[in-house]
Amino acid sequence: MNGVANLHSAEELLQSNLHAHDVPKALTGIRGLDEVTRGGLPKGRPTLVCGGPGSGKTLLAMTFLVNGAVRFDEPGVLLTFEENAEEIASDVASLGFDLPQLIAAGKLAIDYVRVERSEIEETGEYDLEGLFVRLDHAIRTVGAKRVVLDTIESLFAGLKNDTILRAELRRLFRWLKDQGVTAVITGERGDGLLTRQGLEEYVSDAVILLDHRVHDQVSTRRLRVVKYRGSHHGTNEYPFLIDAGGISVLPVSSLALQHPAPIDRVSSGVTRLDEMLGGKGYYRGSTILVSGTAGTGKTSLAAHFLDAACRRGERCLCFLFEESPQQLLRNMRSIGIDLEPWVKSGVLQFHADRPSRYGLETHLVTMHQVVANFKPTVTVLDPVTNLMTVGTFADVQAMLTRLIDHLKTENITAMLTSLMPGQTEIERTETTISSLMDTWIVLANDAESGRHHRGLYVLKSRGMAHSNELCEFSMTNRGLNLHERASAPPGTGARDGSSQEGTHHAGV
């Protein structure tokens, strides 16, 4: 089905990793949410999903319901108080959810309960007995294991008496437990409270809060598990994305530092640079930072890396934050690197976006999705410093830490380019991300005696012997040409290389 990721191996892993003392759980099939909840929602118990208008409550609940019917052989019932069956089916059709087909197959039942505030009379005799009868009939009809009530406010919109409201809510949640169904109840966020009534969270076994906020004209969606009785769970706020593929949550706290450390190497695409890196290039699965001022050749060096990987038959993914794929392809052809055949053959894919289009969290979730769908072994981000326009240094560092953690876990070799504001501020300006890198290559410009010089040196490369010389290079119609003769860093005035040759180990 469209919009639903194939996570069978992940489901097996989650189920096998559940703590023995955790409550039984029902997988949602939502990417990331099952990881945050360590196996899904409490099986046979109610879960409250609350949030403001447009936060994604109904979509999360419907995805839970449809995945149950399609993937986990658990038929479901939707009791809706705001939209009828036709309207609901139309709303989710764009995600690939065929509700009429599921209804016809006996895997889903939808019951629209029309509630008019003007028709509600609040008396001591008020109860939900009629609702229980309708729910019971629908559950028995399809043999439902999952139930969604959307939304609870509509049912109690006309009630002002807290005593009646509290009693009926407790009855509702108790009745759902007695039926043995895994239930999701959606509710509107209240002022200063999780819900408008401020009552449901006290009678629900799990509470998930969805938030849709706007900061500096950029919107961000976040999810938090407020409580989960009888189970461990992630407690942070997690960014999530709603797009044509549905809803996906990005766990951002699983930074256990348990990445593999392969010993095989991959070529940089520049023979002389490979020699400077112990003669073999970068470690596979490592992260490489290429930094320099404007016009030093950062993107060109990244293009060499992509071209070499494509020639090895590896799948390569390139995220662009400054120029379009067509512009990059044209520019690289001018130095003899033709990447277009790799695009046409399907081994190279570009993903271009303006940094200001989304918030950092949305960029992060999007990149996770693209990586999961394309499954590259090599990734380039060019340039990551453009992300500074939509976040602080600390925000960008946190975002890149999460992304790099994910790429390392997947054993993906990643190269990040970074634009430096000035040659004299290399280490200070790059502190934000350089500590996350395994290899750091600096490109520099210098003008001397009326001649423009470009230089390259390896500032650090963890776990390998590497050259400490600065190599002058030139741009040719065959790409970067690193000169054999070592030279001093631009600006020092010395180019004989007498004190620059040699190798050393960088352990940090």
Protein backbone atom coordinates (compact mmCIF):
# COMPACT_ATOMS: atom_id res chain seq x y z
CA MET A 1 0.00 0.00 0.00
CA ASN A 2 1.24 3.51 -0.83
CA GLY A 3 2.58 5.56 2.08
CA VAL A 4 3.17 2.58 4.37
CA ALA A 5 6.79 1.57 4.79
CA ASN A 6 7.77 -2.08 4.76
CA LEU A 7 9.06 -2.54 8.30
CA HIS A 8 8.72 -6.28 8.87
CA SER A 9 12.34 -6.70 10.00
CA ALA A 10 12.01 -3.65 12.25
CA GLU A 11 8.82 -5.10 13.75
CA GLU A 12 10.58 -8.37 14.57
CA LEU A 13 13.44 -6.45 16.15
CA LEU A 14 11.11 -4.31 18.22
CA GLN A 15 9.15 -7.30 19.43
CA SER A 16 12.29 -9.21 20.35
CA ASN A 17 13.69 -6.25 22.25
CA LEU A 18 10.62 -5.63 24.39
CA HIS A 19 11.22 -5.82 28.10
CA ALA A 20 9.67 -8.87 29.69
CA HIS A 21 7.80 -6.72 32.20
CA ASP A 22 6.32 -4.37 29.57
CA VAL A 23 2.61 -4.55 28.82
CA PRO A 24 1.57 -6.36 25.61
CA LYS A 25 1.66 -3.96 22.66
CA ALA A 26 0.02 -3.42 19.28
CA LEU A 27 2.30 -2.15 16.52
CA THR A 28 1.10 1.01 14.80
CA GLY A 29 3.14 0.47 11.64
CA ILE A 30 4.07 4.17 11.75
CA ARG A 31 7.75 4.66 11.03
CA GLY A 32 9.49 5.84 14.18
CA LEU A 33 6.48 5.75 16.51
CA ASP A 34 6.88 2.05 17.26
CA GLU A 35 10.50 2.76 18.18
CA VAL A 36 9.59 5.66 20.46
CA THR A 37 6.93 3.56 22.23
CA ARG A 38 9.18 0.47 22.18
CA GLY A 39 6.74 -1.73 20.35
CA GLY A 40 3.52 0.21 19.77
CA LEU A 41 0.46 1.18 21.77
CA PRO A 42 -0.79 -0.77 24.84
CA LYS A 43 -2.69 -3.78 23.51
CA GLY A 44 -6.26 -4.04 24.75
CA ARG A 45 -6.11 -0.60 26.38
CA PRO A 46 -7.08 2.96 25.40
CA THR A 47 -4.60 5.58 24.22
CA LEU A 48 -5.37 9.29 24.10
CA VAL A 49 -3.93 11.28 21.17
CA CYS A 50 -4.35 15.00 21.78
CA GLY A 51 -3.28 18.14 19.97
CA GLY A 52 -4.48 21.35 18.40
CA PRO A 53 -6.35 21.70 15.09
CA GLY A 54 -4.28 20.43 12.17
CA SER A 55 -1.71 18.68 14.35
CA GLY A 56 -2.32 15.26 12.75
CA LYS A 57 -4.50 13.49 15.35
CA THR A 58 -6.97 11.97 12.91
CA LEU A 59 -4.23 10.96 10.48
CA LEU A 60 -2.28 9.15 13.20
CA ALA A 61 -5.42 7.37 14.38
CA MET A 62 -6.44 6.37 10.84
CA THR A 63 -2.95 5.10 10.03
CA PHE A 64 -3.04 2.97 13.18
CA LEU A 65 -6.43 1.61 12.13
CA VAL A 66 -5.61 0.93 8.46
CA ASN A 67 -2.22 -0.64 9.22
CA GLY A 68 -3.91 -2.93 11.71
CA ALA A 69 -6.42 -4.12 9.10
CA VAL A 70 -3.95 -4.41 6.20
CA ARG A 71 -0.68 -5.48 7.81
CA PHE A 72 -1.42 -7.04 11.18
CA ASP A 73 -4.72 -8.86 10.51
CA GLU A 74 -6.52 -6.79 13.13
CA PRO A 75 -9.86 -5.44 11.82
CA GLY A 76 -10.92 -2.05 13.13
CA VAL A 77 -13.82 0.25 13.87
CA LEU A 78 -13.89 4.01 13.43
CA LEU A 79 -16.50 5.94 15.39
CA THR A 80 -16.46 9.48 14.03
CA PHE A 81 -18.37 12.46 15.39
CA GLU A 82 -17.24 15.12 12.90
CA GLU A 83 -17.12 13.60 9.39
CA ASN A 84 -19.10 10.84 7.73
CA ALA A 85 -17.59 7.76 6.09
CA GLU A 86 -17.42 9.33 2.61
CA GLU A 87 -15.62 12.43 3.87
CA ILE A 88 -13.12 10.39 5.89
CA ALA A 89 -12.41 8.11 2.91
CA SER A 90 -11.83 11.13 0.67
CA ASP A 91 -9.48 12.73 3.20
CA VAL A 92 -7.11 9.75 3.38
CA ALA A 93 -7.34 8.50 -0.22
CA SER A 94 -4.31 10.58 -1.21
CA LEU A 95 -2.23 8.50 1.21
CA GLY A 96 -3.18 5.29 -0.52
CA PHE A 97 -5.76 4.27 2.07
CA ASP A 98 -8.69 2.59 0.28
CA LEU A 99 -11.32 2.64 3.02
CA PRO A 100 -14.24 1.48 0.81
CA GLN A 101 -12.24 -1.61 -0.17
CA LEU A 102 -11.46 -2.39 3.47
CA ILE A 103 -15.11 -1.95 4.40
CA ALA A 104 -16.19 -4.25 1.56
CA ALA A 105 -13.65 -6.85 2.71
CA GLY A 106 -15.05 -6.79 6.24
CA LYS A 107 -11.82 -5.44 7.73
CA LEU A 108 -13.13 -2.01 8.68
CA ALA A 109 -16.37 -0.50 9.91
CA ILE A 110 -17.11 3.23 10.06
CA ASP A 111 -20.00 4.60 12.12
CA TYR A 112 -20.80 8.30 11.94
CA VAL A 113 -22.52 9.59 15.07
CA ARG A 114 -24.12 12.97 14.55
CA VAL A 115 -24.00 15.09 17.68
CA GLU A 116 -25.80 18.44 17.86
CA ARG A 117 -25.07 20.61 20.86
CA SER A 118 -28.58 22.06 20.77
CA GLU A 119 -30.02 18.55 21.14
CA ILE A 120 -27.99 17.63 24.20
CA GLU A 121 -29.85 18.06 27.47
CA GLU A 122 -27.68 17.73 30.52
CA THR A 123 -29.48 15.74 33.20
CA GLY A 124 -28.57 13.30 35.90
CA GLU A 125 -29.82 10.53 33.60
CA TYR A 126 -27.31 11.30 30.84
CA ASP A 127 -25.17 8.29 29.84
CA LEU A 128 -23.47 6.66 26.87
CA GLU A 129 -25.49 3.45 26.77
CA GLY A 130 -26.63 4.04 23.19
CA LEU A 131 -23.07 4.64 22.09
CA PHE A 132 -21.94 1.40 23.73
CA VAL A 133 -24.63 -0.53 21.85
CA ARG A 134 -23.55 0.91 18.48
CA LEU A 135 -19.87 0.29 19.20
CA ASP A 136 -20.53 -3.25 20.36
CA HIS A 137 -22.47 -4.02 17.19
CA ALA A 138 -19.70 -2.65 14.94
CA ILE A 139 -16.98 -4.54 16.85
CA ARG A 140 -18.88 -7.82 16.57
CA THR A 141 -19.66 -7.26 12.89
CA VAL A 142 -16.01 -7.15 11.76
CA GLY A 143 -14.38 -8.89 14.74
CA ALA A 144 -12.53 -5.68 15.54
CA LYS A 145 -9.31 -5.64 17.53
CA ARG A 146 -8.75 -1.89 17.11
CA VAL A 147 -11.12 1.03 17.72
CA VAL A 148 -10.76 4.76 17.04
CA LEU A 149 -13.03 7.48 18.47
CA ASP A 150 -12.54 10.81 16.67
CA THR A 151 -12.92 13.22 18.50
CA ILE A 152 -13.99 12.99 22.15
CA GLU A 153 -14.86 16.71 22.44
CA SER A 154 -17.71 16.40 19.98
CA LEU A 155 -19.38 13.79 22.17
CA PHE A 156 -19.28 15.93 25.30
CA ALA A 157 -19.55 19.33 23.68
CA GLY A 158 -22.81 20.20 25.41
CA LEU A 159 -21.93 19.02 28.91
CA LYS A 160 -20.96 21.50 31.60
CA ASN A 161 -21.27 19.28 34.66
CA ASP A 162 -17.82 17.93 35.54
CA THR A 163 -19.27 15.16 37.69
CA ILE A 164 -21.32 13.71 34.85
CA LEU A 165 -18.45 14.19 32.41
CA ARG A 166 -15.91 12.48 34.63
CA ALA A 167 -18.23 9.54 35.36
CA GLU A 168 -19.06 8.96 31.68
CA LEU A 169 -15.43 9.21 30.61
CA ARG A 170 -14.44 6.60 33.16
CA ARG A 171 -17.28 4.38 31.96
CA LEU A 172 -16.19 4.79 28.35
CA PHE A 173 -12.56 3.88 28.99
CA ARG A 174 -13.55 0.99 31.28
CA TRP A 175 -15.99 -0.35 28.68
CA LEU A 176 -13.31 -0.25 25.96
CA LYS A 177 -10.93 -2.20 28.22
CA ASP A 178 -13.62 -4.78 28.93
CA GLN A 179 -14.03 -5.34 25.18
CA GLY A 180 -10.32 -6.15 24.89
CA VAL A 181 -9.81 -3.74 21.99
CA THR A 182 -6.81 -1.48 21.45
CA ALA A 183 -8.40 1.95 21.29
CA VAL A 184 -7.21 5.37 20.15
CA ILE A 185 -9.26 8.36 21.28
CA THR A 186 -8.44 11.76 19.81
CA GLY A 187 -8.97 15.00 21.71
CA GLU A 188 -8.45 18.72 21.16
CA ARG A 189 -5.70 20.48 23.09
CA GLY A 190 -6.93 22.71 25.92
CA ASP A 191 -5.58 25.98 27.31
CA GLY A 192 -2.81 24.98 29.70
CA LEU A 193 -4.08 21.40 29.71
CA LEU A 194 -3.62 18.40 27.44
CA THR A 195 -7.32 18.46 26.53
CA ARG A 196 -10.10 20.98 26.82
CA GLN A 197 -11.72 19.11 29.71
CA GLY A 198 -8.40 18.28 31.36
CA LEU A 199 -9.82 14.92 32.38
CA GLU A 200 -9.03 12.26 29.78
CA GLU A 201 -5.36 11.97 30.61
CA TYR A 202 -6.25 10.64 34.06
CA VAL A 203 -8.30 7.74 32.72
CA SER A 204 -6.15 6.72 29.74
CA ASP A 205 -3.30 4.20 29.83
CA ALA A 206 -1.17 6.11 27.33
CA VAL A 207 -1.19 9.75 26.25
CA ILE A 208 0.47 11.07 23.08
CA LEU A 209 0.69 14.82 22.53
CA LEU A 210 0.98 16.27 19.01
CA ASP A 211 2.14 19.83 18.52
CA HIS A 212 2.20 22.03 15.42
CA ARG A 213 4.16 25.21 16.11
CA VAL A 214 5.44 28.10 14.01
CA HIS A 215 8.71 29.88 14.82
CA ASP A 216 10.22 32.58 12.62
CA GLN A 217 7.59 31.79 9.97
CA VAL A 218 8.72 28.12 9.81
CA SER A 219 6.32 25.40 10.96
CA THR A 220 7.38 22.31 12.86
CA ARG A 221 5.42 19.26 14.00
CA ARG A 222 6.47 17.42 17.16
CA LEU A 223 5.26 14.39 19.09
CA ARG A 224 5.72 13.51 22.75
CA VAL A 225 4.63 10.46 24.75
CA VAL A 226 3.35 12.14 27.91
CA LYS A 227 2.71 8.90 29.76
CA TYR A 228 2.61 5.16 29.15
CA ARG A 229 1.51 2.96 32.02
CA GLY A 230 3.46 -0.24 32.44
CA SER A 231 6.07 0.46 29.77
CA HIS A 232 9.35 2.19 29.10
CA HIS A 233 9.15 4.80 26.34
CA GLY A 234 10.99 7.73 24.80
CA THR A 235 10.30 10.89 26.75
CA ASN A 236 11.68 13.58 24.44
CA GLU A 237 9.88 15.65 21.84
CA TYR A 238 10.25 14.02 18.43
CA PRO A 239 9.82 15.80 15.09
CA PHE A 240 7.38 14.15 12.72
CA LEU A 241 6.40 14.71 9.13
CA ILE A 242 3.12 14.52 7.26
CA ASP A 243 3.51 14.17 3.51
CA ALA A 244 2.25 12.12 0.57
CA GLY A 245 3.67 9.02 2.26
CA GLY A 246 1.64 9.55 5.43
CA ILE A 247 3.00 10.22 8.89
CA SER A 248 6.50 9.34 10.06
CA VAL A 249 8.21 10.09 13.37
CA LEU A 250 11.92 10.61 13.80
CA PRO A 251 13.38 9.29 17.07
CA VAL A 252 16.22 11.65 17.92
CA SER A 253 17.48 10.29 21.23
CA SER A 254 18.78 6.89 20.10
CA LEU A 255 22.41 8.05 20.09
CA ALA A 256 23.94 4.97 21.72
CA LEU A 257 27.33 5.32 19.97
CA GLN A 258 27.22 1.73 18.76
CA HIS A 259 28.11 2.35 15.12
CA PRO A 260 30.11 -0.21 13.15
CA ALA A 261 33.73 0.74 12.36
CA PRO A 262 34.63 -0.82 9.00
CA ILE A 263 38.31 -0.99 8.03
CA ASP A 264 37.80 -1.03 4.26
CA ARG A 265 38.45 2.18 2.35
CA VAL A 266 36.74 4.11 -0.44
CA SER A 267 38.47 6.41 -2.91
CA SER A 268 38.06 10.17 -2.76
CA GLY A 269 38.06 10.20 -6.56
CA VAL A 270 41.37 12.13 -6.56
CA THR A 271 44.42 9.87 -6.67
CA ARG A 272 46.78 12.35 -5.03
CA LEU A 273 44.32 12.94 -2.18
CA ASP A 274 44.00 9.18 -1.63
CA GLU A 275 47.79 9.09 -1.25
CA MET A 276 47.58 11.82 1.38
CA LEU A 277 45.07 9.63 3.25
CA GLY A 278 47.40 6.68 3.69
CA GLY A 279 47.16 5.74 0.03
CA LYS A 280 43.67 4.29 0.31
CA GLY A 281 41.14 7.09 0.77
CA TYR A 282 38.43 7.46 3.40
CA TYR A 283 37.12 4.77 5.73
CA ARG A 284 33.80 3.37 4.59
CA GLY A 285 30.98 4.61 6.81
CA SER A 286 32.97 7.64 7.96
CA THR A 287 31.98 11.31 7.80
CA ILE A 288 34.11 13.81 5.88
CA LEU A 289 34.00 17.59 6.20
CA VAL A 290 35.28 19.67 3.28
CA SER A 291 35.48 23.32 4.28
CA GLY A 292 36.78 26.44 2.62
CA THR A 293 35.93 29.95 1.53
CA ALA A 294 33.91 30.69 -1.60
CA GLY A 295 35.43 29.41 -4.84
CA THR A 296 37.93 27.00 -3.30
CA GLY A 297 36.50 23.89 -4.99
CA LYS A 298 34.41 22.25 -2.26
CA THR A 299 31.60 21.13 -4.57
CA SER A 300 34.12 20.01 -7.18
CA LEU A 301 35.85 17.76 -4.64
CA ALA A 302 32.44 16.36 -3.65
CA ALA A 303 31.67 15.69 -7.33
CA HIS A 304 34.92 13.70 -7.64
CA PHE A 305 33.80 11.63 -4.65
CA LEU A 306 30.36 10.98 -6.16
CA ASP A 307 31.79 10.11 -9.57
CA ALA A 308 34.24 7.59 -8.08
CA ALA A 309 31.51 5.94 -6.02
CA CYS A 310 29.17 5.69 -9.02
CA ARG A 311 31.97 4.11 -11.05
CA ARG A 312 32.22 1.44 -8.35
CA GLY A 313 28.49 0.78 -8.79
CA GLU A 314 27.51 2.29 -5.46
CA ARG A 315 24.22 4.14 -4.97
CA CYS A 316 24.85 7.81 -4.24
CA LEU A 317 22.56 10.47 -2.81
CA CYS A 318 23.32 14.19 -2.96
CA PHE A 319 21.42 16.80 -0.92
CA LEU A 320 21.72 20.29 -2.39
CA PHE A 321 20.91 23.43 -0.38
CA GLU A 322 22.30 26.08 -2.73
CA GLU A 323 21.93 25.18 -6.40
CA SER A 324 19.69 23.02 -8.56
CA PRO A 325 20.78 19.58 -9.82
CA GLN A 326 20.83 20.92 -13.40
CA GLN A 327 23.14 23.76 -12.41
CA LEU A 328 25.52 21.41 -10.59
CA LEU A 329 25.60 18.98 -13.53
CA ARG A 330 26.44 21.81 -15.92
CA ASN A 331 29.14 23.26 -13.68
CA MET A 332 30.83 19.90 -13.12
CA ARG A 333 30.91 19.16 -16.86
CA SER A 334 33.10 22.27 -17.22
CA ILE A 335 35.85 20.52 -15.23
CA GLY A 336 35.43 17.18 -16.95
CA ILE A 337 33.12 15.44 -14.46
CA ASP A 338 29.93 14.25 -16.18
CA LEU A 339 27.51 13.01 -13.54
CA GLU A 340 24.42 12.93 -15.77
CA PRO A 341 24.94 9.32 -16.99
CA TRP A 342 24.89 8.19 -13.37
CA VAL A 343 21.61 10.05 -12.81
CA LYS A 344 20.07 8.42 -15.87
CA SER A 345 21.26 4.96 -14.80
CA GLY A 346 19.66 5.43 -11.38
CA VAL A 347 22.78 5.10 -9.22
CA LEU A 348 22.90 8.84 -8.43
CA GLN A 349 19.97 10.81 -7.08
CA PHE A 350 19.73 14.50 -6.19
CA HIS A 351 17.44 16.01 -3.58
CA ALA A 352 17.42 19.82 -3.71
CA ASP A 353 15.65 22.11 -1.24
CA ARG A 354 15.94 25.67 -0.04
CA PRO A 355 16.90 25.65 3.66
CA SER A 356 14.23 28.26 4.36
CA ARG A 357 11.50 26.00 3.00
CA TYR A 358 11.26 23.97 6.23
CA GLY A 359 12.44 24.00 9.80
CA LEU A 360 15.50 21.94 10.76
CA GLU A 361 13.39 19.09 12.15
CA THR A 362 11.43 18.77 8.91
CA HIS A 363 14.66 18.78 6.89
CA LEU A 364 15.97 16.04 9.16
CA VAL A 365 12.86 13.87 8.83
CA THR A 366 12.81 14.39 5.07
CA MET A 367 16.47 13.34 4.73
CA HIS A 368 15.81 10.24 6.84
CA GLN A 369 12.94 9.31 4.52
CA VAL A 370 14.92 9.89 1.33
CA VAL A 371 17.82 7.82 2.68
CA ALA A 372 15.45 5.02 3.72
CA ASN A 373 13.78 4.96 0.31
CA PHE A 374 16.89 5.23 -1.90
CA LYS A 375 19.27 3.19 0.31
CA PRO A 376 22.56 4.85 -0.70
CA THR A 377 26.03 3.83 0.41
CA VAL A 378 27.43 7.32 -0.23
CA THR A 379 25.81 10.66 0.65
CA VAL A 380 26.85 14.27 0.05
CA LEU A 381 25.37 17.37 1.71
CA ASP A 382 26.31 20.62 -0.08
CA PRO A 383 26.62 22.96 1.76
CA VAL A 384 25.48 22.30 5.33
CA THR A 385 26.31 25.84 6.42
CA ASN A 386 23.25 27.09 4.50
CA LEU A 387 21.15 25.43 7.21
CA MET A 388 22.38 28.14 9.57
CA THR A 389 19.77 30.42 8.00
CA VAL A 390 16.95 28.48 9.67
CA GLY A 391 18.53 27.71 13.04
CA THR A 392 21.16 28.62 15.58
CA PHE A 393 24.61 27.00 15.71
CA ALA A 394 23.37 24.77 18.56
CA ASP A 395 20.23 23.78 16.63
CA VAL A 396 22.20 22.92 13.49
CA GLN A 397 24.75 20.94 15.48
CA ALA A 398 21.98 18.94 17.17
CA MET A 399 20.31 18.29 13.82
CA LEU A 400 23.56 17.20 12.15
CA THR A 401 24.46 15.00 15.14
CA ARG A 402 21.21 13.11 14.66
CA LEU A 403 21.68 12.84 10.92
CA ILE A 404 25.30 11.69 11.18
CA ASP A 405 24.35 9.17 13.86
CA HIS A 406 21.78 7.71 11.49
CA LEU A 407 24.19 7.62 8.52
CA LYS A 408 26.87 5.91 10.61
CA THR A 409 24.36 3.36 11.87
CA GLU A 410 23.47 2.58 8.24
CA ASN A 411 27.21 2.42 7.32
CA ILE A 412 26.80 5.26 4.82
CA THR A 413 29.92 7.25 3.89
CA ALA A 414 28.96 10.92 4.11
CA MET A 415 30.69 14.06 2.85
CA LEU A 416 29.57 17.48 4.06
CA THR A 417 30.76 20.72 2.51
CA SER A 418 30.99 23.88 4.60
CA LEU A 419 31.44 27.50 3.54
CA MET A 420 33.82 29.39 5.81
CA PRO A 421 33.46 33.17 6.17
CA GLY A 422 37.21 33.73 6.22
CA GLN A 423 40.46 31.83 6.07
CA THR A 424 41.67 33.14 9.44
CA GLU A 425 38.65 31.76 11.31
CA ILE A 426 38.76 28.14 10.25
CA GLU A 427 38.73 26.33 13.56
CA ARG A 428 36.50 28.79 15.41
CA THR A 429 33.78 28.90 12.76
CA GLU A 430 33.84 25.16 12.11
CA THR A 431 33.67 24.06 15.76
CA THR A 432 29.92 23.57 15.37
CA ILE A 433 30.30 20.47 13.18
CA SER A 434 33.98 19.58 12.95
CA SER A 435 33.91 17.58 16.17
CA LEU A 436 31.41 15.23 14.53
CA MET A 437 33.71 14.51 11.58
CA ASP A 438 36.18 11.65 11.09
CA THR A 439 38.11 13.43 8.35
CA TRP A 440 38.43 17.19 7.88
CA ILE A 441 39.82 18.58 4.62
CA VAL A 442 40.44 22.30 4.32
CA LEU A 443 40.60 24.12 0.97
CA ALA A 444 42.21 27.55 0.84
CA ASN A 445 42.73 30.45 -1.55
CA ASP A 446 45.69 32.82 -1.69
CA ALA A 447 46.97 35.50 -4.03
CA GLU A 448 50.71 36.02 -4.37
CA SER A 449 52.78 37.91 -6.93
CA GLY A 450 49.71 38.54 -9.04
CA ARG A 451 48.87 34.83 -9.14
CA HIS A 452 45.90 33.03 -7.58
CA HIS A 453 46.77 29.87 -5.63
CA ARG A 454 44.50 27.10 -4.38
CA GLY A 455 45.64 24.76 -1.62
CA LEU A 456 44.38 21.63 0.13
CA TYR A 457 45.41 19.99 3.38
CA VAL A 458 44.08 17.30 5.70
CA LEU A 459 43.48 18.93 9.07
CA LYS A 460 42.55 15.63 10.70
CA SER A 461 41.64 12.07 9.78
CA ARG A 462 40.83 9.74 12.65
CA GLY A 463 42.30 6.27 12.77
CA MET A 464 44.76 6.54 9.88
CA ALA A 465 48.18 7.92 9.03
CA HIS A 466 47.79 10.95 6.79
CA SER A 467 49.88 13.65 5.24
CA ASN A 468 50.28 16.99 6.98
CA GLU A 469 51.46 18.78 3.84
CA LEU A 470 49.53 21.44 2.03
CA CYS A 471 49.17 20.62 -1.64
CA GLU A 472 48.62 23.32 -4.17
CA PHE A 473 46.09 22.33 -6.80
CA SER A 474 44.53 23.71 -9.92
CA MET A 475 41.19 23.32 -11.66
CA THR A 476 41.54 21.71 -15.08
CA ASN A 477 39.23 20.28 -17.70
CA ARG A 478 39.92 16.93 -16.00
CA GLY A 479 38.98 18.04 -12.53
CA LEU A 480 41.19 18.83 -9.56
CA ASN A 481 44.89 18.39 -10.21
CA LEU A 482 46.91 18.22 -6.97
CA HIS A 483 50.52 19.19 -7.53
CA GLU A 484 53.22 16.90 -6.23
CA ARG A 485 55.32 19.62 -4.58
CA ALA A 486 54.23 20.42 -1.05
CA SER A 487 53.82 24.02 -0.02
CA ALA A 488 53.12 26.08 3.05
CA PRO A 489 49.59 27.20 3.84
CA PRO A 490 48.45 30.20 1.81
CA GLY A 491 49.41 33.42 3.47
CA THR A 492 52.63 32.17 5.09
CA GLY A 493 54.80 33.21 2.15
CA ALA A 494 56.71 29.89 2.06
CA ARG A 495 56.16 27.38 -0.70
CA ASP A 496 59.21 25.13 -0.58
CA GLY A 497 57.49 22.59 1.67
CA SER A 498 60.64 22.05 3.70
CA SER A 499 58.78 21.86 6.99
CA GLN A 500 55.53 20.45 5.72
CA GLU A 501 56.29 16.96 4.47
CA GLY A 502 55.58 13.85 6.51
CA THR A 503 52.71 11.93 8.01
CA HIS A 504 51.12 11.67 11.41
CA HIS A 505 48.22 9.97 13.17
CA ALA A 506 45.17 11.91 14.27
CA GLY A 507 43.30 10.21 17.03
CA VAL A 508 40.75 12.91 17.66
